PDBML (XML) file of the C-alpha atoms, coordinates in Angstrom:
<?xml version="1.0" encoding="UTF-8" ?>
<PDBx:datablock datablockName="MODEL"
   xmlns:PDBx="http://pdbml.pdb.org/schema/pdbx-v50.xsd"
   xmlns:xsi="http://www.w3.org/2001/XMLSchema-instance"
   xsi:schemaLocation="http://pdbml.pdb.org/schema/pdbx-v50.xsd pdbx-v50.xsd">
   <PDBx:atom_siteCategory>
      <PDBx:atom_site id="1">
         <PDBx:B_iso_or_equiv>0.00</PDBx:B_iso_or_equiv>
         <PDBx:Cartn_x>0.148</PDBx:Cartn_x>
         <PDBx:Cartn_y>-0.235</PDBx:Cartn_y>
         <PDBx:Cartn_z>0.240</PDBx:Cartn_z>
         <PDBx:auth_asym_id>A</PDBx:auth_asym_id>
         <PDBx:auth_atom_id>CA</PDBx:auth_atom_id>
         <PDBx:auth_comp_id>GLN</PDBx:auth_comp_id>
         <PDBx:auth_seq_id>1</PDBx:auth_seq_id>
         <PDBx:group_PDB>ATOM</PDBx:group_PDB>
         <PDBx:label_alt_id xsi:nil="true" />
         <PDBx:label_asym_id>A</PDBx:label_asym_id>
         <PDBx:label_atom_id>CA</PDBx:label_atom_id>
         <PDBx:label_comp_id>GLN</PDBx:label_comp_id>
         <PDBx:label_entity_id>1</PDBx:label_entity_id>
         <PDBx:label_seq_id>1</PDBx:label_seq_id>
         <PDBx:occupancy>1.00</PDBx:occupancy>
         <PDBx:pdbx_PDB_model_num>1</PDBx:pdbx_PDB_model_num>
         <PDBx:type_symbol>C</PDBx:type_symbol>
      </PDBx:atom_site>
      <PDBx:atom_site id="2">
         <PDBx:B_iso_or_equiv>0.00</PDBx:B_iso_or_equiv>
         <PDBx:Cartn_x>2.898</PDBx:Cartn_x>
         <PDBx:Cartn_y>2.743</PDBx:Cartn_y>
         <PDBx:Cartn_z>0.734</PDBx:Cartn_z>
         <PDBx:auth_asym_id>A</PDBx:auth_asym_id>
         <PDBx:auth_atom_id>CA</PDBx:auth_atom_id>
         <PDBx:auth_comp_id>ILE</PDBx:auth_comp_id>
         <PDBx:auth_seq_id>2</PDBx:auth_seq_id>
         <PDBx:group_PDB>ATOM</PDBx:group_PDB>
         <PDBx:label_alt_id xsi:nil="true" />
         <PDBx:label_asym_id>A</PDBx:label_asym_id>
         <PDBx:label_atom_id>CA</PDBx:label_atom_id>
         <PDBx:label_comp_id>ILE</PDBx:label_comp_id>
         <PDBx:label_entity_id>1</PDBx:label_entity_id>
         <PDBx:label_seq_id>2</PDBx:label_seq_id>
         <PDBx:occupancy>1.00</PDBx:occupancy>
         <PDBx:pdbx_PDB_model_num>1</PDBx:pdbx_PDB_model_num>
         <PDBx:type_symbol>C</PDBx:type_symbol>
      </PDBx:atom_site>
      <PDBx:atom_site id="3">
         <PDBx:B_iso_or_equiv>0.00</PDBx:B_iso_or_equiv>
         <PDBx:Cartn_x>4.501</PDBx:Cartn_x>
         <PDBx:Cartn_y>2.097</PDBx:Cartn_y>
         <PDBx:Cartn_z>-2.937</PDBx:Cartn_z>
         <PDBx:auth_asym_id>A</PDBx:auth_asym_id>
         <PDBx:auth_atom_id>CA</PDBx:auth_atom_id>
         <PDBx:auth_comp_id>MET</PDBx:auth_comp_id>
         <PDBx:auth_seq_id>3</PDBx:auth_seq_id>
         <PDBx:group_PDB>ATOM</PDBx:group_PDB>
         <PDBx:label_alt_id xsi:nil="true" />
         <PDBx:label_asym_id>A</PDBx:label_asym_id>
         <PDBx:label_atom_id>CA</PDBx:label_atom_id>
         <PDBx:label_comp_id>MET</PDBx:label_comp_id>
         <PDBx:label_entity_id>1</PDBx:label_entity_id>
         <PDBx:label_seq_id>3</PDBx:label_seq_id>
         <PDBx:occupancy>1.00</PDBx:occupancy>
         <PDBx:pdbx_PDB_model_num>1</PDBx:pdbx_PDB_model_num>
         <PDBx:type_symbol>C</PDBx:type_symbol>
      </PDBx:atom_site>
      <PDBx:atom_site id="4">
         <PDBx:B_iso_or_equiv>0.00</PDBx:B_iso_or_equiv>
         <PDBx:Cartn_x>0.883</PDBx:Cartn_x>
         <PDBx:Cartn_y>2.289</PDBx:Cartn_y>
         <PDBx:Cartn_z>-4.544</PDBx:Cartn_z>
         <PDBx:auth_asym_id>A</PDBx:auth_asym_id>
         <PDBx:auth_atom_id>CA</PDBx:auth_atom_id>
         <PDBx:auth_comp_id>LYS</PDBx:auth_comp_id>
         <PDBx:auth_seq_id>4</PDBx:auth_seq_id>
         <PDBx:group_PDB>ATOM</PDBx:group_PDB>
         <PDBx:label_alt_id xsi:nil="true" />
         <PDBx:label_asym_id>A</PDBx:label_asym_id>
         <PDBx:label_atom_id>CA</PDBx:label_atom_id>
         <PDBx:label_comp_id>LYS</PDBx:label_comp_id>
         <PDBx:label_entity_id>1</PDBx:label_entity_id>
         <PDBx:label_seq_id>4</PDBx:label_seq_id>
         <PDBx:occupancy>1.00</PDBx:occupancy>
         <PDBx:pdbx_PDB_model_num>1</PDBx:pdbx_PDB_model_num>
         <PDBx:type_symbol>C</PDBx:type_symbol>
      </PDBx:atom_site>
      <PDBx:atom_site id="5">
         <PDBx:B_iso_or_equiv>0.00</PDBx:B_iso_or_equiv>
         <PDBx:Cartn_x>0.420</PDBx:Cartn_x>
         <PDBx:Cartn_y>6.168</PDBx:Cartn_y>
         <PDBx:Cartn_z>-2.023</PDBx:Cartn_z>
         <PDBx:auth_asym_id>A</PDBx:auth_asym_id>
         <PDBx:auth_atom_id>CA</PDBx:auth_atom_id>
         <PDBx:auth_comp_id>MET</PDBx:auth_comp_id>
         <PDBx:auth_seq_id>5</PDBx:auth_seq_id>
         <PDBx:group_PDB>ATOM</PDBx:group_PDB>
         <PDBx:label_alt_id xsi:nil="true" />
         <PDBx:label_asym_id>A</PDBx:label_asym_id>
         <PDBx:label_atom_id>CA</PDBx:label_atom_id>
         <PDBx:label_comp_id>MET</PDBx:label_comp_id>
         <PDBx:label_entity_id>1</PDBx:label_entity_id>
         <PDBx:label_seq_id>5</PDBx:label_seq_id>
         <PDBx:occupancy>1.00</PDBx:occupancy>
         <PDBx:pdbx_PDB_model_num>1</PDBx:pdbx_PDB_model_num>
         <PDBx:type_symbol>C</PDBx:type_symbol>
      </PDBx:atom_site>
      <PDBx:atom_site id="6">
         <PDBx:B_iso_or_equiv>0.00</PDBx:B_iso_or_equiv>
         <PDBx:Cartn_x>4.483</PDBx:Cartn_x>
         <PDBx:Cartn_y>6.641</PDBx:Cartn_y>
         <PDBx:Cartn_z>-2.571</PDBx:Cartn_z>
         <PDBx:auth_asym_id>A</PDBx:auth_asym_id>
         <PDBx:auth_atom_id>CA</PDBx:auth_atom_id>
         <PDBx:auth_comp_id>ILE</PDBx:auth_comp_id>
         <PDBx:auth_seq_id>6</PDBx:auth_seq_id>
         <PDBx:group_PDB>ATOM</PDBx:group_PDB>
         <PDBx:label_alt_id xsi:nil="true" />
         <PDBx:label_asym_id>A</PDBx:label_asym_id>
         <PDBx:label_atom_id>CA</PDBx:label_atom_id>
         <PDBx:label_comp_id>ILE</PDBx:label_comp_id>
         <PDBx:label_entity_id>1</PDBx:label_entity_id>
         <PDBx:label_seq_id>6</PDBx:label_seq_id>
         <PDBx:occupancy>1.00</PDBx:occupancy>
         <PDBx:pdbx_PDB_model_num>1</PDBx:pdbx_PDB_model_num>
         <PDBx:type_symbol>C</PDBx:type_symbol>
      </PDBx:atom_site>
      <PDBx:atom_site id="7">
         <PDBx:B_iso_or_equiv>0.00</PDBx:B_iso_or_equiv>
         <PDBx:Cartn_x>6.883</PDBx:Cartn_x>
         <PDBx:Cartn_y>6.609</PDBx:Cartn_y>
         <PDBx:Cartn_z>-5.397</PDBx:Cartn_z>
         <PDBx:auth_asym_id>A</PDBx:auth_asym_id>
         <PDBx:auth_atom_id>CA</PDBx:auth_atom_id>
         <PDBx:auth_comp_id>PRO</PDBx:auth_comp_id>
         <PDBx:auth_seq_id>7</PDBx:auth_seq_id>
         <PDBx:group_PDB>ATOM</PDBx:group_PDB>
         <PDBx:label_alt_id xsi:nil="true" />
         <PDBx:label_asym_id>A</PDBx:label_asym_id>
         <PDBx:label_atom_id>CA</PDBx:label_atom_id>
         <PDBx:label_comp_id>PRO</PDBx:label_comp_id>
         <PDBx:label_entity_id>1</PDBx:label_entity_id>
         <PDBx:label_seq_id>7</PDBx:label_seq_id>
         <PDBx:occupancy>1.00</PDBx:occupancy>
         <PDBx:pdbx_PDB_model_num>1</PDBx:pdbx_PDB_model_num>
         <PDBx:type_symbol>C</PDBx:type_symbol>
      </PDBx:atom_site>
      <PDBx:atom_site id="8">
         <PDBx:B_iso_or_equiv>0.00</PDBx:B_iso_or_equiv>
         <PDBx:Cartn_x>9.983</PDBx:Cartn_x>
         <PDBx:Cartn_y>5.469</PDBx:Cartn_y>
         <PDBx:Cartn_z>-3.916</PDBx:Cartn_z>
         <PDBx:auth_asym_id>A</PDBx:auth_asym_id>
         <PDBx:auth_atom_id>CA</PDBx:auth_atom_id>
         <PDBx:auth_comp_id>HIS</PDBx:auth_comp_id>
         <PDBx:auth_seq_id>8</PDBx:auth_seq_id>
         <PDBx:group_PDB>ATOM</PDBx:group_PDB>
         <PDBx:label_alt_id xsi:nil="true" />
         <PDBx:label_asym_id>A</PDBx:label_asym_id>
         <PDBx:label_atom_id>CA</PDBx:label_atom_id>
         <PDBx:label_comp_id>HIS</PDBx:label_comp_id>
         <PDBx:label_entity_id>1</PDBx:label_entity_id>
         <PDBx:label_seq_id>8</PDBx:label_seq_id>
         <PDBx:occupancy>1.00</PDBx:occupancy>
         <PDBx:pdbx_PDB_model_num>1</PDBx:pdbx_PDB_model_num>
         <PDBx:type_symbol>C</PDBx:type_symbol>
      </PDBx:atom_site>
      <PDBx:atom_site id="9">
         <PDBx:B_iso_or_equiv>0.00</PDBx:B_iso_or_equiv>
         <PDBx:Cartn_x>11.657</PDBx:Cartn_x>
         <PDBx:Cartn_y>2.066</PDBx:Cartn_y>
         <PDBx:Cartn_z>-4.524</PDBx:Cartn_z>
         <PDBx:auth_asym_id>A</PDBx:auth_asym_id>
         <PDBx:auth_atom_id>CA</PDBx:auth_atom_id>
         <PDBx:auth_comp_id>ARG</PDBx:auth_comp_id>
         <PDBx:auth_seq_id>9</PDBx:auth_seq_id>
         <PDBx:group_PDB>ATOM</PDBx:group_PDB>
         <PDBx:label_alt_id xsi:nil="true" />
         <PDBx:label_asym_id>A</PDBx:label_asym_id>
         <PDBx:label_atom_id>CA</PDBx:label_atom_id>
         <PDBx:label_comp_id>ARG</PDBx:label_comp_id>
         <PDBx:label_entity_id>1</PDBx:label_entity_id>
         <PDBx:label_seq_id>9</PDBx:label_seq_id>
         <PDBx:occupancy>1.00</PDBx:occupancy>
         <PDBx:pdbx_PDB_model_num>1</PDBx:pdbx_PDB_model_num>
         <PDBx:type_symbol>C</PDBx:type_symbol>
      </PDBx:atom_site>
      <PDBx:atom_site id="10">
         <PDBx:B_iso_or_equiv>0.00</PDBx:B_iso_or_equiv>
         <PDBx:Cartn_x>14.331</PDBx:Cartn_x>
         <PDBx:Cartn_y>0.427</PDBx:Cartn_y>
         <PDBx:Cartn_z>-3.876</PDBx:Cartn_z>
         <PDBx:auth_asym_id>A</PDBx:auth_asym_id>
         <PDBx:auth_atom_id>CA</PDBx:auth_atom_id>
         <PDBx:auth_comp_id>TYR</PDBx:auth_comp_id>
         <PDBx:auth_seq_id>10</PDBx:auth_seq_id>
         <PDBx:group_PDB>ATOM</PDBx:group_PDB>
         <PDBx:label_alt_id xsi:nil="true" />
         <PDBx:label_asym_id>A</PDBx:label_asym_id>
         <PDBx:label_atom_id>CA</PDBx:label_atom_id>
         <PDBx:label_comp_id>TYR</PDBx:label_comp_id>
         <PDBx:label_entity_id>1</PDBx:label_entity_id>
         <PDBx:label_seq_id>10</PDBx:label_seq_id>
         <PDBx:occupancy>1.00</PDBx:occupancy>
         <PDBx:pdbx_PDB_model_num>1</PDBx:pdbx_PDB_model_num>
         <PDBx:type_symbol>C</PDBx:type_symbol>
      </PDBx:atom_site>
      <PDBx:atom_site id="11">
         <PDBx:B_iso_or_equiv>0.00</PDBx:B_iso_or_equiv>
         <PDBx:Cartn_x>17.219</PDBx:Cartn_x>
         <PDBx:Cartn_y>1.362</PDBx:Cartn_y>
         <PDBx:Cartn_z>-2.577</PDBx:Cartn_z>
         <PDBx:auth_asym_id>A</PDBx:auth_asym_id>
         <PDBx:auth_atom_id>CA</PDBx:auth_atom_id>
         <PDBx:auth_comp_id>PRO</PDBx:auth_comp_id>
         <PDBx:auth_seq_id>11</PDBx:auth_seq_id>
         <PDBx:group_PDB>ATOM</PDBx:group_PDB>
         <PDBx:label_alt_id xsi:nil="true" />
         <PDBx:label_asym_id>A</PDBx:label_asym_id>
         <PDBx:label_atom_id>CA</PDBx:label_atom_id>
         <PDBx:label_comp_id>PRO</PDBx:label_comp_id>
         <PDBx:label_entity_id>1</PDBx:label_entity_id>
         <PDBx:label_seq_id>11</PDBx:label_seq_id>
         <PDBx:occupancy>1.00</PDBx:occupancy>
         <PDBx:pdbx_PDB_model_num>1</PDBx:pdbx_PDB_model_num>
         <PDBx:type_symbol>C</PDBx:type_symbol>
      </PDBx:atom_site>
      <PDBx:atom_site id="12">
         <PDBx:B_iso_or_equiv>0.00</PDBx:B_iso_or_equiv>
         <PDBx:Cartn_x>15.315</PDBx:Cartn_x>
         <PDBx:Cartn_y>4.726</PDBx:Cartn_y>
         <PDBx:Cartn_z>-1.188</PDBx:Cartn_z>
         <PDBx:auth_asym_id>A</PDBx:auth_asym_id>
         <PDBx:auth_atom_id>CA</PDBx:auth_atom_id>
         <PDBx:auth_comp_id>LEU</PDBx:auth_comp_id>
         <PDBx:auth_seq_id>12</PDBx:auth_seq_id>
         <PDBx:group_PDB>ATOM</PDBx:group_PDB>
         <PDBx:label_alt_id xsi:nil="true" />
         <PDBx:label_asym_id>A</PDBx:label_asym_id>
         <PDBx:label_atom_id>CA</PDBx:label_atom_id>
         <PDBx:label_comp_id>LEU</PDBx:label_comp_id>
         <PDBx:label_entity_id>1</PDBx:label_entity_id>
         <PDBx:label_seq_id>12</PDBx:label_seq_id>
         <PDBx:occupancy>1.00</PDBx:occupancy>
         <PDBx:pdbx_PDB_model_num>1</PDBx:pdbx_PDB_model_num>
         <PDBx:type_symbol>C</PDBx:type_symbol>
      </PDBx:atom_site>
      <PDBx:atom_site id="13">
         <PDBx:B_iso_or_equiv>0.00</PDBx:B_iso_or_equiv>
         <PDBx:Cartn_x>12.126</PDBx:Cartn_x>
         <PDBx:Cartn_y>2.987</PDBx:Cartn_y>
         <PDBx:Cartn_z>-0.105</PDBx:Cartn_z>
         <PDBx:auth_asym_id>A</PDBx:auth_asym_id>
         <PDBx:auth_atom_id>CA</PDBx:auth_atom_id>
         <PDBx:auth_comp_id>LEU</PDBx:auth_comp_id>
         <PDBx:auth_seq_id>13</PDBx:auth_seq_id>
         <PDBx:group_PDB>ATOM</PDBx:group_PDB>
         <PDBx:label_alt_id xsi:nil="true" />
         <PDBx:label_asym_id>A</PDBx:label_asym_id>
         <PDBx:label_atom_id>CA</PDBx:label_atom_id>
         <PDBx:label_comp_id>LEU</PDBx:label_comp_id>
         <PDBx:label_entity_id>1</PDBx:label_entity_id>
         <PDBx:label_seq_id>13</PDBx:label_seq_id>
         <PDBx:occupancy>1.00</PDBx:occupancy>
         <PDBx:pdbx_PDB_model_num>1</PDBx:pdbx_PDB_model_num>
         <PDBx:type_symbol>C</PDBx:type_symbol>
      </PDBx:atom_site>
      <PDBx:atom_site id="14">
         <PDBx:B_iso_or_equiv>0.00</PDBx:B_iso_or_equiv>
         <PDBx:Cartn_x>12.510</PDBx:Cartn_x>
         <PDBx:Cartn_y>3.848</PDBx:Cartn_y>
         <PDBx:Cartn_z>3.436</PDBx:Cartn_z>
         <PDBx:auth_asym_id>A</PDBx:auth_asym_id>
         <PDBx:auth_atom_id>CA</PDBx:auth_atom_id>
         <PDBx:auth_comp_id>LEU</PDBx:auth_comp_id>
         <PDBx:auth_seq_id>14</PDBx:auth_seq_id>
         <PDBx:group_PDB>ATOM</PDBx:group_PDB>
         <PDBx:label_alt_id xsi:nil="true" />
         <PDBx:label_asym_id>A</PDBx:label_asym_id>
         <PDBx:label_atom_id>CA</PDBx:label_atom_id>
         <PDBx:label_comp_id>LEU</PDBx:label_comp_id>
         <PDBx:label_entity_id>1</PDBx:label_entity_id>
         <PDBx:label_seq_id>14</PDBx:label_seq_id>
         <PDBx:occupancy>1.00</PDBx:occupancy>
         <PDBx:pdbx_PDB_model_num>1</PDBx:pdbx_PDB_model_num>
         <PDBx:type_symbol>C</PDBx:type_symbol>
      </PDBx:atom_site>
      <PDBx:atom_site id="15">
         <PDBx:B_iso_or_equiv>0.00</PDBx:B_iso_or_equiv>
         <PDBx:Cartn_x>9.633</PDBx:Cartn_x>
         <PDBx:Cartn_y>2.715</PDBx:Cartn_y>
         <PDBx:Cartn_z>5.676</PDBx:Cartn_z>
         <PDBx:auth_asym_id>A</PDBx:auth_asym_id>
         <PDBx:auth_atom_id>CA</PDBx:auth_atom_id>
         <PDBx:auth_comp_id>ILE</PDBx:auth_comp_id>
         <PDBx:auth_seq_id>15</PDBx:auth_seq_id>
         <PDBx:group_PDB>ATOM</PDBx:group_PDB>
         <PDBx:label_alt_id xsi:nil="true" />
         <PDBx:label_asym_id>A</PDBx:label_asym_id>
         <PDBx:label_atom_id>CA</PDBx:label_atom_id>
         <PDBx:label_comp_id>ILE</PDBx:label_comp_id>
         <PDBx:label_entity_id>1</PDBx:label_entity_id>
         <PDBx:label_seq_id>15</PDBx:label_seq_id>
         <PDBx:occupancy>1.00</PDBx:occupancy>
         <PDBx:pdbx_PDB_model_num>1</PDBx:pdbx_PDB_model_num>
         <PDBx:type_symbol>C</PDBx:type_symbol>
      </PDBx:atom_site>
      <PDBx:atom_site id="16">
         <PDBx:B_iso_or_equiv>0.00</PDBx:B_iso_or_equiv>
         <PDBx:Cartn_x>7.989</PDBx:Cartn_x>
         <PDBx:Cartn_y>-0.689</PDBx:Cartn_y>
         <PDBx:Cartn_z>6.182</PDBx:Cartn_z>
         <PDBx:auth_asym_id>A</PDBx:auth_asym_id>
         <PDBx:auth_atom_id>CA</PDBx:auth_atom_id>
         <PDBx:auth_comp_id>ASP</PDBx:auth_comp_id>
         <PDBx:auth_seq_id>16</PDBx:auth_seq_id>
         <PDBx:group_PDB>ATOM</PDBx:group_PDB>
         <PDBx:label_alt_id xsi:nil="true" />
         <PDBx:label_asym_id>A</PDBx:label_asym_id>
         <PDBx:label_atom_id>CA</PDBx:label_atom_id>
         <PDBx:label_comp_id>ASP</PDBx:label_comp_id>
         <PDBx:label_entity_id>1</PDBx:label_entity_id>
         <PDBx:label_seq_id>16</PDBx:label_seq_id>
         <PDBx:occupancy>1.00</PDBx:occupancy>
         <PDBx:pdbx_PDB_model_num>1</PDBx:pdbx_PDB_model_num>
         <PDBx:type_symbol>C</PDBx:type_symbol>
      </PDBx:atom_site>
      <PDBx:atom_site id="17">
         <PDBx:B_iso_or_equiv>0.00</PDBx:B_iso_or_equiv>
         <PDBx:Cartn_x>4.920</PDBx:Cartn_x>
         <PDBx:Cartn_y>-0.045</PDBx:Cartn_y>
         <PDBx:Cartn_z>6.826</PDBx:Cartn_z>
         <PDBx:auth_asym_id>A</PDBx:auth_asym_id>
         <PDBx:auth_atom_id>CA</PDBx:auth_atom_id>
         <PDBx:auth_comp_id>ARG</PDBx:auth_comp_id>
         <PDBx:auth_seq_id>17</PDBx:auth_seq_id>
         <PDBx:group_PDB>ATOM</PDBx:group_PDB>
         <PDBx:label_alt_id xsi:nil="true" />
         <PDBx:label_asym_id>A</PDBx:label_asym_id>
         <PDBx:label_atom_id>CA</PDBx:label_atom_id>
         <PDBx:label_comp_id>ARG</PDBx:label_comp_id>
         <PDBx:label_entity_id>1</PDBx:label_entity_id>
         <PDBx:label_seq_id>17</PDBx:label_seq_id>
         <PDBx:occupancy>1.00</PDBx:occupancy>
         <PDBx:pdbx_PDB_model_num>1</PDBx:pdbx_PDB_model_num>
         <PDBx:type_symbol>C</PDBx:type_symbol>
      </PDBx:atom_site>
      <PDBx:atom_site id="18">
         <PDBx:B_iso_or_equiv>0.00</PDBx:B_iso_or_equiv>
         <PDBx:Cartn_x>2.744</PDBx:Cartn_x>
         <PDBx:Cartn_y>2.820</PDBx:Cartn_y>
         <PDBx:Cartn_z>8.738</PDBx:Cartn_z>
         <PDBx:auth_asym_id>A</PDBx:auth_asym_id>
         <PDBx:auth_atom_id>CA</PDBx:auth_atom_id>
         <PDBx:auth_comp_id>LEU</PDBx:auth_comp_id>
         <PDBx:auth_seq_id>18</PDBx:auth_seq_id>
         <PDBx:group_PDB>ATOM</PDBx:group_PDB>
         <PDBx:label_alt_id xsi:nil="true" />
         <PDBx:label_asym_id>A</PDBx:label_asym_id>
         <PDBx:label_atom_id>CA</PDBx:label_atom_id>
         <PDBx:label_comp_id>LEU</PDBx:label_comp_id>
         <PDBx:label_entity_id>1</PDBx:label_entity_id>
         <PDBx:label_seq_id>18</PDBx:label_seq_id>
         <PDBx:occupancy>1.00</PDBx:occupancy>
         <PDBx:pdbx_PDB_model_num>1</PDBx:pdbx_PDB_model_num>
         <PDBx:type_symbol>C</PDBx:type_symbol>
      </PDBx:atom_site>
      <PDBx:atom_site id="19">
         <PDBx:B_iso_or_equiv>0.00</PDBx:B_iso_or_equiv>
         <PDBx:Cartn_x>0.396</PDBx:Cartn_x>
         <PDBx:Cartn_y>2.317</PDBx:Cartn_y>
         <PDBx:Cartn_z>11.751</PDBx:Cartn_z>
         <PDBx:auth_asym_id>A</PDBx:auth_asym_id>
         <PDBx:auth_atom_id>CA</PDBx:auth_atom_id>
         <PDBx:auth_comp_id>MET</PDBx:auth_comp_id>
         <PDBx:auth_seq_id>19</PDBx:auth_seq_id>
         <PDBx:group_PDB>ATOM</PDBx:group_PDB>
         <PDBx:label_alt_id xsi:nil="true" />
         <PDBx:label_asym_id>A</PDBx:label_asym_id>
         <PDBx:label_atom_id>CA</PDBx:label_atom_id>
         <PDBx:label_comp_id>MET</PDBx:label_comp_id>
         <PDBx:label_entity_id>1</PDBx:label_entity_id>
         <PDBx:label_seq_id>19</PDBx:label_seq_id>
         <PDBx:occupancy>1.00</PDBx:occupancy>
         <PDBx:pdbx_PDB_model_num>1</PDBx:pdbx_PDB_model_num>
         <PDBx:type_symbol>C</PDBx:type_symbol>
      </PDBx:atom_site>
      <PDBx:atom_site id="20">
         <PDBx:B_iso_or_equiv>0.00</PDBx:B_iso_or_equiv>
         <PDBx:Cartn_x>-0.955</PDBx:Cartn_x>
         <PDBx:Cartn_y>4.272</PDBx:Cartn_y>
         <PDBx:Cartn_z>14.385</PDBx:Cartn_z>
         <PDBx:auth_asym_id>A</PDBx:auth_asym_id>
         <PDBx:auth_atom_id>CA</PDBx:auth_atom_id>
         <PDBx:auth_comp_id>ASP</PDBx:auth_comp_id>
         <PDBx:auth_seq_id>20</PDBx:auth_seq_id>
         <PDBx:group_PDB>ATOM</PDBx:group_PDB>
         <PDBx:label_alt_id xsi:nil="true" />
         <PDBx:label_asym_id>A</PDBx:label_asym_id>
         <PDBx:label_atom_id>CA</PDBx:label_atom_id>
         <PDBx:label_comp_id>ASP</PDBx:label_comp_id>
         <PDBx:label_entity_id>1</PDBx:label_entity_id>
         <PDBx:label_seq_id>20</PDBx:label_seq_id>
         <PDBx:occupancy>1.00</PDBx:occupancy>
         <PDBx:pdbx_PDB_model_num>1</PDBx:pdbx_PDB_model_num>
         <PDBx:type_symbol>C</PDBx:type_symbol>
      </PDBx:atom_site>
      <PDBx:atom_site id="21">
         <PDBx:B_iso_or_equiv>0.00</PDBx:B_iso_or_equiv>
         <PDBx:Cartn_x>-2.716</PDBx:Cartn_x>
         <PDBx:Cartn_y>6.463</PDBx:Cartn_y>
         <PDBx:Cartn_z>11.646</PDBx:Cartn_z>
         <PDBx:auth_asym_id>A</PDBx:auth_asym_id>
         <PDBx:auth_atom_id>CA</PDBx:auth_atom_id>
         <PDBx:auth_comp_id>ILE</PDBx:auth_comp_id>
         <PDBx:auth_seq_id>21</PDBx:auth_seq_id>
         <PDBx:group_PDB>ATOM</PDBx:group_PDB>
         <PDBx:label_alt_id xsi:nil="true" />
         <PDBx:label_asym_id>A</PDBx:label_asym_id>
         <PDBx:label_atom_id>CA</PDBx:label_atom_id>
         <PDBx:label_comp_id>ILE</PDBx:label_comp_id>
         <PDBx:label_entity_id>1</PDBx:label_entity_id>
         <PDBx:label_seq_id>21</PDBx:label_seq_id>
         <PDBx:occupancy>1.00</PDBx:occupancy>
         <PDBx:pdbx_PDB_model_num>1</PDBx:pdbx_PDB_model_num>
         <PDBx:type_symbol>C</PDBx:type_symbol>
      </PDBx:atom_site>
      <PDBx:atom_site id="22">
         <PDBx:B_iso_or_equiv>0.00</PDBx:B_iso_or_equiv>
         <PDBx:Cartn_x>-4.531</PDBx:Cartn_x>
         <PDBx:Cartn_y>9.922</PDBx:Cartn_y>
         <PDBx:Cartn_z>12.854</PDBx:Cartn_z>
         <PDBx:auth_asym_id>A</PDBx:auth_asym_id>
         <PDBx:auth_atom_id>CA</PDBx:auth_atom_id>
         <PDBx:auth_comp_id>VAL</PDBx:auth_comp_id>
         <PDBx:auth_seq_id>22</PDBx:auth_seq_id>
         <PDBx:group_PDB>ATOM</PDBx:group_PDB>
         <PDBx:label_alt_id xsi:nil="true" />
         <PDBx:label_asym_id>A</PDBx:label_asym_id>
         <PDBx:label_atom_id>CA</PDBx:label_atom_id>
         <PDBx:label_comp_id>VAL</PDBx:label_comp_id>
         <PDBx:label_entity_id>1</PDBx:label_entity_id>
         <PDBx:label_seq_id>22</PDBx:label_seq_id>
         <PDBx:occupancy>1.00</PDBx:occupancy>
         <PDBx:pdbx_PDB_model_num>1</PDBx:pdbx_PDB_model_num>
         <PDBx:type_symbol>C</PDBx:type_symbol>
      </PDBx:atom_site>
      <PDBx:atom_site id="23">
         <PDBx:B_iso_or_equiv>0.00</PDBx:B_iso_or_equiv>
         <PDBx:Cartn_x>-5.242</PDBx:Cartn_x>
         <PDBx:Cartn_y>11.267</PDBx:Cartn_y>
         <PDBx:Cartn_z>9.982</PDBx:Cartn_z>
         <PDBx:auth_asym_id>A</PDBx:auth_asym_id>
         <PDBx:auth_atom_id>CA</PDBx:auth_atom_id>
         <PDBx:auth_comp_id>PRO</PDBx:auth_comp_id>
         <PDBx:auth_seq_id>23</PDBx:auth_seq_id>
         <PDBx:group_PDB>ATOM</PDBx:group_PDB>
         <PDBx:label_alt_id xsi:nil="true" />
         <PDBx:label_asym_id>A</PDBx:label_asym_id>
         <PDBx:label_atom_id>CA</PDBx:label_atom_id>
         <PDBx:label_comp_id>PRO</PDBx:label_comp_id>
         <PDBx:label_entity_id>1</PDBx:label_entity_id>
         <PDBx:label_seq_id>23</PDBx:label_seq_id>
         <PDBx:occupancy>1.00</PDBx:occupancy>
         <PDBx:pdbx_PDB_model_num>1</PDBx:pdbx_PDB_model_num>
         <PDBx:type_symbol>C</PDBx:type_symbol>
      </PDBx:atom_site>
      <PDBx:atom_site id="24">
         <PDBx:B_iso_or_equiv>0.00</PDBx:B_iso_or_equiv>
         <PDBx:Cartn_x>-4.263</PDBx:Cartn_x>
         <PDBx:Cartn_y>14.726</PDBx:Cartn_y>
         <PDBx:Cartn_z>9.353</PDBx:Cartn_z>
         <PDBx:auth_asym_id>A</PDBx:auth_asym_id>
         <PDBx:auth_atom_id>CA</PDBx:auth_atom_id>
         <PDBx:auth_comp_id>ASN</PDBx:auth_comp_id>
         <PDBx:auth_seq_id>24</PDBx:auth_seq_id>
         <PDBx:group_PDB>ATOM</PDBx:group_PDB>
         <PDBx:label_alt_id xsi:nil="true" />
         <PDBx:label_asym_id>A</PDBx:label_asym_id>
         <PDBx:label_atom_id>CA</PDBx:label_atom_id>
         <PDBx:label_comp_id>ASN</PDBx:label_comp_id>
         <PDBx:label_entity_id>1</PDBx:label_entity_id>
         <PDBx:label_seq_id>24</PDBx:label_seq_id>
         <PDBx:occupancy>1.00</PDBx:occupancy>
         <PDBx:pdbx_PDB_model_num>1</PDBx:pdbx_PDB_model_num>
         <PDBx:type_symbol>C</PDBx:type_symbol>
      </PDBx:atom_site>
   </PDBx:atom_siteCategory>
</PDBx:datablock>
């Protein structure tokens, strides 16, 4: 899902997961 949200790819994609989300 992160790869659908931001354009970064290996070797520069530096987050594996997003959690504890409070939108905005």
